[in-house]
Amino acid sequence: MLNIGVLPNSCTFAALVKACDSLALLQQVHGQIMRLGCLSDVYVVSSVVSVYSKFGAIGVARRVFDESSRKNVVCWTSLITGYCSNGLVNEARELFDAIPERNDVSNSAMVSGYVRNGCYNEGIEVFRELKSCESMKPNGSLLASVLNACAAVGAFVERKRIHSYIDDHGFEYELQLGTALIDFYAKCGWMEPAEKIFESMPSKDVTTWSAMIMGLAINGKNKMALEMFSKMEKVGPKPNAVTFIGVLTACNHKSLLNEAWWLFGHMSKKYGITPSIEHYGCIVDILARGGRIEEALKFVNSMPMQPDRAIWGSLLNGCLMHGHVELGQRVGKHLIEFEPHHSGSYVLLANMYASMGRWEFVSKTRKLMKDKGVPVICAWSFIEIDQNIHKFVVDDKSRSYSGEISLVLSLLGKELLDFSIAKDVLLFDIA
């Protein structure tokens, strides 16, 4: 039983609530608060709601909120954040719409809540609604959240407006905001403004450096990414595990395999970072794309953890690229056994058979997929036109201009292939 010898004030109670490291302890503190009649204090209420939500007891958090006689915007925001943290974005939106008075923090909580739960278009739409309010002055956290949403769905026009707003209103490129802009430009393949933002940021943490390195890596600027990492080691913060994922991604070319091996050892020897499955996956992908399939397979078998679907998928993709049919069959069957209800495994294997003209095996793979009731999950791409996001799936012929799109894609594919042959560049998917 929790014993409190001196009658605490509201600040003390709020601090006690936030210090609770278990649901049982929180319930004890909550009981004392109720016994002493302190649930009329808005700071205590917001703290209790927030910590109950943190432990997943969102129903109790809602009862505390409803039973409170006094509620301010902080209390409302605590419950909105709690709903979003527990995946209940619809309930959070209902509460957000009912707030008597909003502020920057409550607005940011709703937008960032949508983004954390993958509801990117909804987050952008809330931001657009908020912009129409004359009294609305977005803070850096809100702008960073909506930039992340724009990056996820490719809302390039909206992003340009946000960037213009940031510059016009004299926002400094502080850590969260600057990093969000770098991440967005990188995902859009436009590294020049990302580099300018990076250089103009007054301070940069490991997340900022990692975002810049990864951005350069996924946009084919391999050497620049490695140079950026070298500079980070000299003048920046200490690299972390995420940094090394970016650096290893930058080595995804056959000419950089030696650098990849060195960096893989360097991360543990110098920084004490134990390689995770993502780091092992980067090495497997480099080997597989470079045609060193047998070596990649040996590396997988030597891993201290079980390979995941991504690693088996990299191996199978390497077999597809370099015509290793027999090994591809073995890897493909293993991948299907590993995740029998993931459509991507069957599609990769069928594509490999199709590339070899072995159509009977293509039919067998598709039949196996159908017999097991595996749903086809189509990949999609998107483009923003007049603030509307248009999504396209493979073989999408639902639009009147589908023929023109296919023609342009064919021409682009030929240009990329010619470039790859001329420059000896290994093209890879950066999605």
Protein backbone atom coordinates (compact mmCIF):
# COMPACT_ATOMS: atom_id res chain seq x y z
CA MET A 1 0.00 0.00 0.00
CA LEU A 2 1.29 3.46 -0.88
CA ASN A 3 1.72 5.69 2.20
CA ILE A 4 1.80 9.45 1.81
CA GLY A 5 2.71 11.14 5.12
CA VAL A 6 2.32 14.79 4.13
CA LEU A 7 -0.65 16.13 2.16
CA PRO A 8 0.82 16.80 -1.27
CA ASN A 9 -0.15 19.65 -3.54
CA SER A 10 -1.34 19.19 -7.12
CA CYS A 11 2.17 19.47 -8.57
CA THR A 12 3.42 16.76 -6.25
CA PHE A 13 0.54 14.48 -7.19
CA ALA A 14 1.12 15.11 -10.89
CA ALA A 15 4.81 14.26 -10.44
CA LEU A 16 3.93 11.09 -8.49
CA VAL A 17 1.59 9.98 -11.26
CA LYS A 18 4.21 10.52 -13.97
CA ALA A 19 6.77 8.58 -11.91
CA CYS A 20 4.60 5.45 -11.78
CA ASP A 21 6.38 2.59 -13.53
CA SER A 22 3.52 0.10 -13.38
CA LEU A 23 -0.25 0.05 -13.68
CA ALA A 24 -0.58 -1.31 -10.13
CA LEU A 25 1.38 1.61 -8.67
CA LEU A 26 -0.63 4.09 -10.73
CA GLN A 27 -3.86 2.61 -9.37
CA GLN A 28 -2.58 3.11 -5.80
CA VAL A 29 -1.67 6.74 -6.47
CA HIS A 30 -4.99 7.28 -8.23
CA GLY A 31 -6.81 5.90 -5.19
CA GLN A 32 -5.02 8.34 -2.89
CA ILE A 33 -5.83 11.21 -5.23
CA MET A 34 -9.52 10.31 -5.18
CA ARG A 35 -9.52 9.88 -1.39
CA LEU A 36 -8.04 13.34 -0.95
CA GLY A 37 -10.38 14.90 -3.50
CA CYS A 38 -7.66 16.19 -5.82
CA LEU A 39 -9.20 15.11 -9.12
CA SER A 40 -10.63 18.59 -9.62
CA ASP A 41 -7.16 19.86 -10.47
CA VAL A 42 -6.61 19.97 -14.24
CA TYR A 43 -2.89 19.15 -14.02
CA VAL A 44 -3.54 16.07 -11.93
CA VAL A 45 -6.32 14.97 -14.30
CA SER A 46 -4.15 15.38 -17.40
CA SER A 47 -1.32 13.44 -15.75
CA VAL A 48 -3.58 10.56 -14.67
CA VAL A 49 -5.18 10.38 -18.14
CA SER A 50 -1.78 10.43 -19.83
CA VAL A 51 -0.21 7.67 -17.70
CA TYR A 52 -3.26 5.38 -17.83
CA SER A 53 -3.11 5.75 -21.62
CA LYS A 54 0.60 4.91 -21.60
CA PHE A 55 -0.21 1.61 -19.89
CA GLY A 56 -2.96 0.88 -22.44
CA ALA A 57 -5.80 1.39 -19.95
CA ILE A 58 -7.55 3.84 -22.26
CA GLY A 59 -11.02 2.98 -20.89
CA VAL A 60 -9.97 4.03 -17.38
CA ALA A 61 -8.33 7.16 -18.81
CA ARG A 62 -11.63 8.09 -20.47
CA ARG A 63 -13.58 7.56 -17.22
CA VAL A 64 -11.15 9.82 -15.33
CA PHE A 65 -11.61 12.44 -18.04
CA ASP A 66 -15.42 12.19 -18.04
CA GLU A 67 -15.71 12.27 -14.26
CA SER A 68 -13.51 15.32 -13.84
CA SER A 69 -15.44 18.46 -12.95
CA ARG A 70 -12.80 20.71 -14.47
CA LYS A 71 -11.07 20.17 -17.81
CA ASN A 72 -8.82 22.45 -19.78
CA VAL A 73 -7.19 22.03 -23.19
CA VAL A 74 -4.30 20.10 -21.59
CA CYS A 75 -6.75 17.44 -20.31
CA TRP A 76 -8.40 17.14 -23.72
CA THR A 77 -5.03 16.90 -25.44
CA SER A 78 -3.82 14.20 -23.04
CA LEU A 79 -6.78 12.00 -23.95
CA ILE A 80 -6.42 12.70 -27.69
CA THR A 81 -2.76 11.67 -27.47
CA GLY A 82 -3.76 8.60 -25.46
CA TYR A 83 -6.31 7.51 -28.03
CA CYS A 84 -3.79 7.96 -30.86
CA SER A 85 -1.07 6.07 -28.95
CA ASN A 86 -3.47 3.15 -28.65
CA GLY A 87 -4.48 3.21 -32.32
CA LEU A 88 -7.93 4.74 -31.73
CA VAL A 89 -7.67 7.63 -34.18
CA ASN A 90 -11.40 7.83 -34.89
CA GLU A 91 -12.16 8.29 -31.19
CA ALA A 92 -9.35 10.85 -31.01
CA ARG A 93 -10.84 12.80 -33.92
CA GLU A 94 -14.30 12.85 -32.30
CA LEU A 95 -12.72 14.29 -29.17
CA PHE A 96 -10.64 16.76 -31.18
CA ASP A 97 -13.75 18.05 -32.96
CA ALA A 98 -15.48 18.53 -29.58
CA ILE A 99 -12.71 20.56 -27.89
CA PRO A 100 -14.14 23.91 -26.73
CA GLU A 101 -10.80 25.61 -27.34
CA ARG A 102 -7.71 24.39 -29.20
CA ASN A 103 -4.10 25.43 -29.11
CA ASP A 104 -0.88 24.56 -30.94
CA VAL A 105 -0.31 21.49 -28.77
CA SER A 106 -3.77 19.99 -29.32
CA ASN A 107 -3.55 20.66 -33.08
CA SER A 108 -0.13 19.02 -33.23
CA ALA A 109 -1.39 16.04 -31.18
CA MET A 110 -4.14 15.29 -33.70
CA VAL A 111 -1.98 15.67 -36.80
CA SER A 112 0.94 13.70 -35.37
CA GLY A 113 -1.51 11.07 -34.09
CA TYR A 114 -2.82 10.54 -37.59
CA VAL A 115 0.73 10.31 -38.94
CA ARG A 116 1.87 7.78 -36.31
CA ASN A 117 -1.07 5.58 -37.22
CA GLY A 118 -0.44 5.76 -40.97
CA CYS A 119 -3.45 8.00 -41.68
CA TYR A 120 -1.36 10.44 -43.69
CA ASN A 121 -4.05 11.96 -45.91
CA GLU A 122 -6.24 12.56 -42.85
CA GLY A 123 -3.36 14.33 -41.11
CA ILE A 124 -2.78 16.56 -44.14
CA GLU A 125 -6.52 17.33 -44.35
CA VAL A 126 -6.62 18.40 -40.67
CA PHE A 127 -3.68 20.68 -41.32
CA ARG A 128 -5.46 22.24 -44.30
CA GLU A 129 -8.54 22.84 -42.15
CA LEU A 130 -6.43 24.43 -39.44
CA LYS A 131 -4.70 26.73 -41.95
CA SER A 132 -8.05 28.28 -42.79
CA CYS A 133 -8.37 29.57 -39.20
CA GLU A 134 -6.85 33.03 -38.90
CA SER A 135 -5.87 32.45 -35.27
CA MET A 136 -4.00 29.25 -36.10
CA LYS A 137 -0.21 29.58 -35.84
CA PRO A 138 1.43 26.19 -36.35
CA ASN A 139 4.47 25.36 -34.27
CA GLY A 140 7.54 23.45 -35.38
CA SER A 141 6.22 20.13 -34.06
CA LEU A 142 2.98 20.42 -36.04
CA LEU A 143 4.83 21.40 -39.22
CA ALA A 144 7.23 18.48 -38.81
CA SER A 145 4.31 16.05 -38.41
CA VAL A 146 2.53 17.24 -41.54
CA LEU A 147 5.82 17.17 -43.48
CA ASN A 148 6.20 13.51 -42.51
CA ALA A 149 2.66 12.88 -43.77
CA CYS A 150 3.46 14.64 -47.06
CA ALA A 151 6.58 12.51 -47.45
CA ALA A 152 4.58 9.31 -46.94
CA VAL A 153 1.99 10.06 -49.65
CA GLY A 154 4.03 12.23 -52.01
CA ALA A 155 2.05 15.43 -51.43
CA PHE A 156 4.74 17.56 -53.03
CA VAL A 157 2.68 20.70 -53.63
CA GLU A 158 1.52 20.82 -50.00
CA ARG A 159 5.10 20.34 -48.88
CA LYS A 160 6.25 23.29 -51.00
CA ARG A 161 3.61 25.46 -49.35
CA ILE A 162 4.70 24.36 -45.90
CA HIS A 163 8.35 25.06 -46.72
CA SER A 164 7.39 28.50 -48.01
CA TYR A 165 5.39 29.12 -44.83
CA ILE A 166 8.42 28.12 -42.74
CA ASP A 167 10.71 30.52 -44.61
CA ASP A 168 8.17 33.37 -44.79
CA HIS A 169 7.50 33.25 -41.04
CA GLY A 170 11.13 33.05 -40.01
CA PHE A 171 11.11 29.55 -38.55
CA GLU A 172 14.56 28.29 -37.67
CA TYR A 173 15.51 24.88 -38.98
CA GLU A 174 15.57 23.34 -35.51
CA LEU A 175 16.20 19.61 -35.12
CA GLN A 176 12.73 18.16 -35.60
CA LEU A 177 11.65 20.52 -38.36
CA GLY A 178 14.93 20.48 -40.27
CA THR A 179 15.19 16.70 -40.13
CA ALA A 180 11.60 16.32 -41.36
CA LEU A 181 12.38 18.54 -44.36
CA ILE A 182 15.54 16.58 -45.16
CA ASP A 183 13.61 13.31 -44.96
CA PHE A 184 10.88 14.64 -47.24
CA TYR A 185 13.20 15.94 -49.95
CA ALA A 186 15.20 12.70 -49.83
CA LYS A 187 12.08 10.58 -50.35
CA CYS A 188 11.12 12.80 -53.29
CA GLY A 189 14.57 12.33 -54.84
CA TRP A 190 15.48 16.00 -54.56
CA MET A 191 18.73 16.10 -52.59
CA GLU A 192 19.91 19.62 -53.44
CA PRO A 193 17.45 21.41 -51.10
CA ALA A 194 17.99 18.68 -48.50
CA GLU A 195 21.72 19.44 -48.53
CA LYS A 196 21.07 23.19 -48.22
CA ILE A 197 18.78 22.66 -45.22
CA PHE A 198 21.31 20.34 -43.61
CA GLU A 199 24.09 22.91 -43.96
CA SER A 200 21.91 25.75 -42.64
CA MET A 201 20.74 23.92 -39.50
CA PRO A 202 22.31 25.52 -36.40
CA SER A 203 22.56 22.16 -34.65
CA LYS A 204 22.33 18.58 -35.88
CA ASP A 205 21.80 15.41 -33.86
CA VAL A 206 22.42 11.80 -34.85
CA THR A 207 18.91 11.57 -36.37
CA THR A 208 19.63 14.50 -38.67
CA TRP A 209 22.96 13.08 -39.84
CA SER A 210 21.40 9.63 -40.32
CA ALA A 211 18.53 11.08 -42.37
CA MET A 212 21.00 12.89 -44.62
CA ILE A 213 23.18 9.80 -45.11
CA MET A 214 20.18 7.60 -45.87
CA GLY A 215 18.76 10.22 -48.24
CA LEU A 216 21.98 10.30 -50.24
CA ALA A 217 22.16 6.49 -50.22
CA ILE A 218 18.65 5.82 -51.53
CA ASN A 219 19.12 8.41 -54.26
CA GLY A 220 22.19 6.72 -55.68
CA LYS A 221 24.70 9.21 -54.26
CA ASN A 222 26.74 6.39 -52.74
CA LYS A 223 30.12 8.12 -52.53
CA MET A 224 28.59 11.31 -51.10
CA ALA A 225 26.82 9.27 -48.41
CA LEU A 226 30.10 7.61 -47.42
CA GLU A 227 31.85 10.99 -47.40
CA MET A 228 29.06 12.37 -45.20
CA PHE A 229 29.58 9.48 -42.77
CA SER A 230 33.33 10.17 -42.70
CA LYS A 231 32.60 13.81 -41.90
CA MET A 232 30.13 12.74 -39.19
CA GLU A 233 32.84 10.67 -37.52
CA LYS A 234 35.11 13.73 -37.46
CA VAL A 235 32.76 16.57 -36.45
CA GLY A 236 29.30 15.11 -35.77
CA PRO A 237 27.64 13.11 -33.03
CA LYS A 238 28.43 9.46 -32.40
CA PRO A 239 26.80 7.25 -35.07
CA ASN A 240 24.10 4.83 -33.95
CA ALA A 241 22.60 1.65 -35.39
CA VAL A 242 20.31 3.60 -37.72
CA THR A 243 23.28 5.54 -39.10
CA PHE A 244 24.97 2.29 -40.08
CA ILE A 245 21.85 1.06 -41.88
CA GLY A 246 22.14 4.17 -44.04
CA VAL A 247 25.86 3.72 -44.59
CA LEU A 248 25.50 0.06 -45.53
CA THR A 249 22.66 0.99 -47.88
CA ALA A 250 25.09 3.39 -49.55
CA CYS A 251 27.35 0.39 -50.28
CA ASN A 252 24.64 -1.27 -52.38
CA HIS A 253 26.82 -1.46 -55.47
CA LYS A 254 29.19 -4.21 -56.52
CA SER A 255 32.18 -1.87 -56.39
CA LEU A 256 31.58 -1.02 -52.72
CA LEU A 257 31.42 -4.51 -51.24
CA ASN A 258 34.80 -4.17 -49.50
CA GLU A 259 33.64 -0.94 -47.86
CA ALA A 260 30.47 -2.69 -46.70
CA TRP A 261 32.45 -5.50 -45.03
CA TRP A 262 34.73 -2.97 -43.34
CA LEU A 263 31.82 -0.88 -42.06
CA PHE A 264 30.01 -3.98 -40.84
CA GLY A 265 32.98 -4.77 -38.60
CA HIS A 266 33.69 -1.12 -37.79
CA MET A 267 30.29 -0.56 -36.16
CA SER A 268 30.94 -3.12 -33.46
CA LYS A 269 34.70 -2.69 -33.06
CA LYS A 270 34.70 1.10 -32.69
CA TYR A 271 31.18 1.89 -31.47
CA GLY A 272 30.12 -1.29 -29.71
CA ILE A 273 26.98 -1.60 -31.85
CA THR A 274 25.79 -5.19 -32.15
CA PRO A 275 24.58 -5.75 -35.72
CA SER A 276 20.83 -6.22 -35.96
CA ILE A 277 18.93 -8.21 -38.55
CA GLU A 278 18.61 -5.00 -40.62
CA HIS A 279 22.41 -4.71 -40.84
CA TYR A 280 22.74 -8.36 -41.80
CA GLY A 281 20.00 -7.78 -44.37
CA CYS A 282 22.00 -4.96 -45.97
CA ILE A 283 25.01 -7.24 -46.46
CA VAL A 284 22.85 -10.03 -47.89
CA ASP A 285 21.24 -7.56 -50.29
CA ILE A 286 24.62 -6.23 -51.45
CA LEU A 287 25.93 -9.74 -52.09
CA ALA A 288 22.75 -10.90 -53.81
CA ARG A 289 22.49 -7.87 -56.10
CA GLY A 290 26.15 -8.26 -57.01
CA GLY A 291 25.54 -11.84 -58.14
CA ARG A 292 27.42 -13.47 -55.24
CA ILE A 293 24.45 -15.64 -54.35
CA GLU A 294 26.30 -18.62 -52.88
CA GLU A 295 28.35 -16.29 -50.68
CA ALA A 296 25.14 -14.54 -49.58
CA LEU A 297 23.58 -17.90 -48.68
CA LYS A 298 26.62 -18.88 -46.59
CA PHE A 299 26.43 -15.52 -44.83
CA VAL A 300 22.72 -16.09 -44.05
CA ASN A 301 23.51 -19.52 -42.60
CA SER A 302 26.17 -17.96 -40.34
CA MET A 303 23.85 -15.32 -38.88
CA PRO A 304 23.28 -15.42 -35.09
CA MET A 305 19.54 -14.94 -35.58
CA GLN A 306 16.91 -16.50 -37.83
CA PRO A 307 16.66 -14.71 -41.20
CA ASP A 308 13.42 -12.84 -41.78
CA ARG A 309 11.30 -12.50 -44.89
CA ALA A 310 13.26 -9.46 -46.10
CA ILE A 311 16.52 -11.42 -46.15
CA TRP A 312 15.05 -14.42 -47.96
CA GLY A 313 13.38 -11.97 -50.34
CA SER A 314 16.75 -10.31 -51.08
CA LEU A 315 18.25 -13.70 -51.85
CA LEU A 316 15.38 -14.63 -54.13
CA ASN A 317 15.57 -11.26 -55.87
CA GLY A 318 19.29 -11.83 -56.46
CA CYS A 319 18.54 -15.24 -57.94
CA LEU A 320 16.00 -13.59 -60.24
CA MET A 321 18.43 -10.89 -61.34
CA HIS A 322 21.30 -13.26 -62.08
CA GLY A 323 19.51 -16.36 -63.34
CA HIS A 324 20.20 -18.73 -60.44
CA VAL A 325 17.08 -20.81 -61.09
CA GLU A 326 17.79 -23.90 -59.02
CA LEU A 327 18.92 -21.96 -55.96
CA GLY A 328 16.05 -19.54 -56.52
CA GLN A 329 13.61 -22.43 -56.36
CA ARG A 330 15.02 -23.54 -53.01
CA VAL A 331 15.01 -20.02 -51.59
CA GLY A 332 11.53 -19.34 -52.96
CA LYS A 333 10.09 -22.50 -51.42
CA HIS A 334 11.73 -21.64 -48.11
CA LEU A 335 10.31 -18.12 -48.29
CA ILE A 336 6.81 -19.49 -48.91
CA GLU A 337 7.18 -21.88 -45.97
CA PHE A 338 8.41 -18.98 -43.83
CA GLU A 339 5.42 -16.77 -44.65
CA PRO A 340 2.82 -18.90 -46.44
CA HIS A 341 0.23 -16.11 -46.52
CA HIS A 342 2.39 -13.28 -47.88
CA SER A 343 1.61 -12.70 -51.55
CA GLY A 344 4.99 -11.09 -52.28
CA SER A 345 6.81 -14.40 -51.81
CA TYR A 346 4.72 -16.11 -54.50
CA VAL A 347 4.99 -13.14 -56.85
CA LEU A 348 8.80 -13.06 -56.62
CA LEU A 349 9.04 -16.80 -57.30
CA ALA A 350 6.57 -16.62 -60.20
CA ASN A 351 8.48 -13.68 -61.69
CA MET A 352 11.70 -15.67 -61.58
CA TYR A 353 10.08 -18.58 -63.40
CA ALA A 354 8.56 -16.19 -65.95
CA SER A 355 11.93 -14.56 -66.66
CA MET A 356 13.26 -18.01 -67.55
CA GLY A 357 10.25 -18.88 -69.68
CA ARG A 358 9.25 -21.71 -67.37
CA TRP A 359 5.54 -21.00 -67.60
CA GLU A 360 4.40 -24.32 -66.19
CA PHE A 361 6.08 -23.39 -62.89
CA VAL A 362 4.50 -19.93 -63.05
CA SER A 363 1.09 -21.62 -63.27
CA LYS A 364 1.93 -23.99 -60.43
CA THR A 365 3.04 -21.12 -58.19
CA ARG A 366 -0.11 -19.13 -58.90
CA LYS A 367 -2.26 -22.23 -58.30
CA LEU A 368 -0.51 -22.86 -54.98
CA MET A 369 -1.19 -19.27 -54.00
CA LYS A 370 -4.87 -19.64 -54.95
CA ASP A 371 -5.24 -23.00 -53.18
CA LYS A 372 -3.88 -21.51 -49.96
CA GLY A 373 -6.23 -18.55 -50.24
CA VAL A 374 -3.43 -15.99 -50.25
CA PRO A 375 -4.85 -12.55 -51.11
CA VAL A 376 -2.97 -10.51 -53.70
CA ILE A 377 -1.75 -7.28 -52.14
CA CYS A 378 -1.01 -4.89 -54.97
CA ALA A 379 1.82 -2.42 -54.73
CA TRP A 380 0.86 1.09 -55.68
CA SER A 381 2.41 4.39 -56.63
CA PHE A 382 1.00 7.88 -56.39
CA ILE A 383 1.21 11.40 -57.75
CA GLU A 384 -0.25 14.68 -56.52
CA ILE A 385 -2.19 16.83 -59.01
CA ASP A 386 -4.13 19.90 -57.83
CA GLN A 387 -3.87 18.77 -54.19
CA ASN A 388 -5.42 15.39 -55.02
CA ILE A 389 -3.44 12.18 -54.55
CA HIS A 390 -3.89 9.76 -57.47
CA LYS A 391 -2.99 6.13 -56.72
CA PHE A 392 -2.07 3.56 -59.36
CA VAL A 393 -1.78 -0.20 -59.03
CA VAL A 394 -0.08 -2.62 -61.41
CA ASP A 395 -1.95 -3.10 -64.73
CA ASP A 396 -4.33 -0.30 -63.73
CA LYS A 397 -6.42 0.45 -66.84
CA SER A 398 -9.26 2.22 -65.06
CA ARG A 399 -8.27 5.67 -66.30
CA SER A 400 -8.87 7.13 -69.74
CA TYR A 401 -5.18 8.07 -70.11
CA SER A 402 -3.77 4.65 -69.07
CA GLY A 403 -2.33 4.10 -72.58
CA GLU A 404 -0.33 7.33 -72.46
CA ILE A 405 0.99 6.46 -68.96
CA SER A 406 2.13 3.02 -70.14
CA LEU A 407 3.90 4.54 -73.14
CA VAL A 408 5.80 7.05 -71.00
CA LEU A 409 6.76 4.32 -68.51
CA SER A 410 8.09 2.15 -71.35
CA LEU A 411 10.20 5.03 -72.65
CA LEU A 412 11.52 5.76 -69.14
CA GLY A 413 12.35 2.09 -68.64
CA LYS A 414 14.37 2.04 -71.85
CA GLU A 415 16.21 5.22 -70.86
CA LEU A 416 17.08 3.73 -67.46
CA LEU A 417 18.30 0.50 -69.01
CA ASP A 418 20.48 2.37 -71.52
CA PHE A 419 21.90 4.49 -68.69
CA SER A 420 22.61 1.41 -66.58
CA ILE A 421 24.48 -0.30 -69.42
CA ALA A 422 26.42 2.82 -70.39
CA LYS A 423 27.45 3.75 -66.84
CA ASP A 424 27.71 0.21 -65.40
CA VAL A 425 25.31 1.27 -62.66
CA LEU A 426 23.33 -1.30 -60.69
CA LEU A 427 19.83 0.10 -60.46
CA PHE A 428 17.81 -0.84 -57.41
CA ASP A 429 14.38 -0.24 -55.90
CA ILE A 430 14.41 2.54 -53.31
CA ALA A 431 10.77 2.21 -52.21
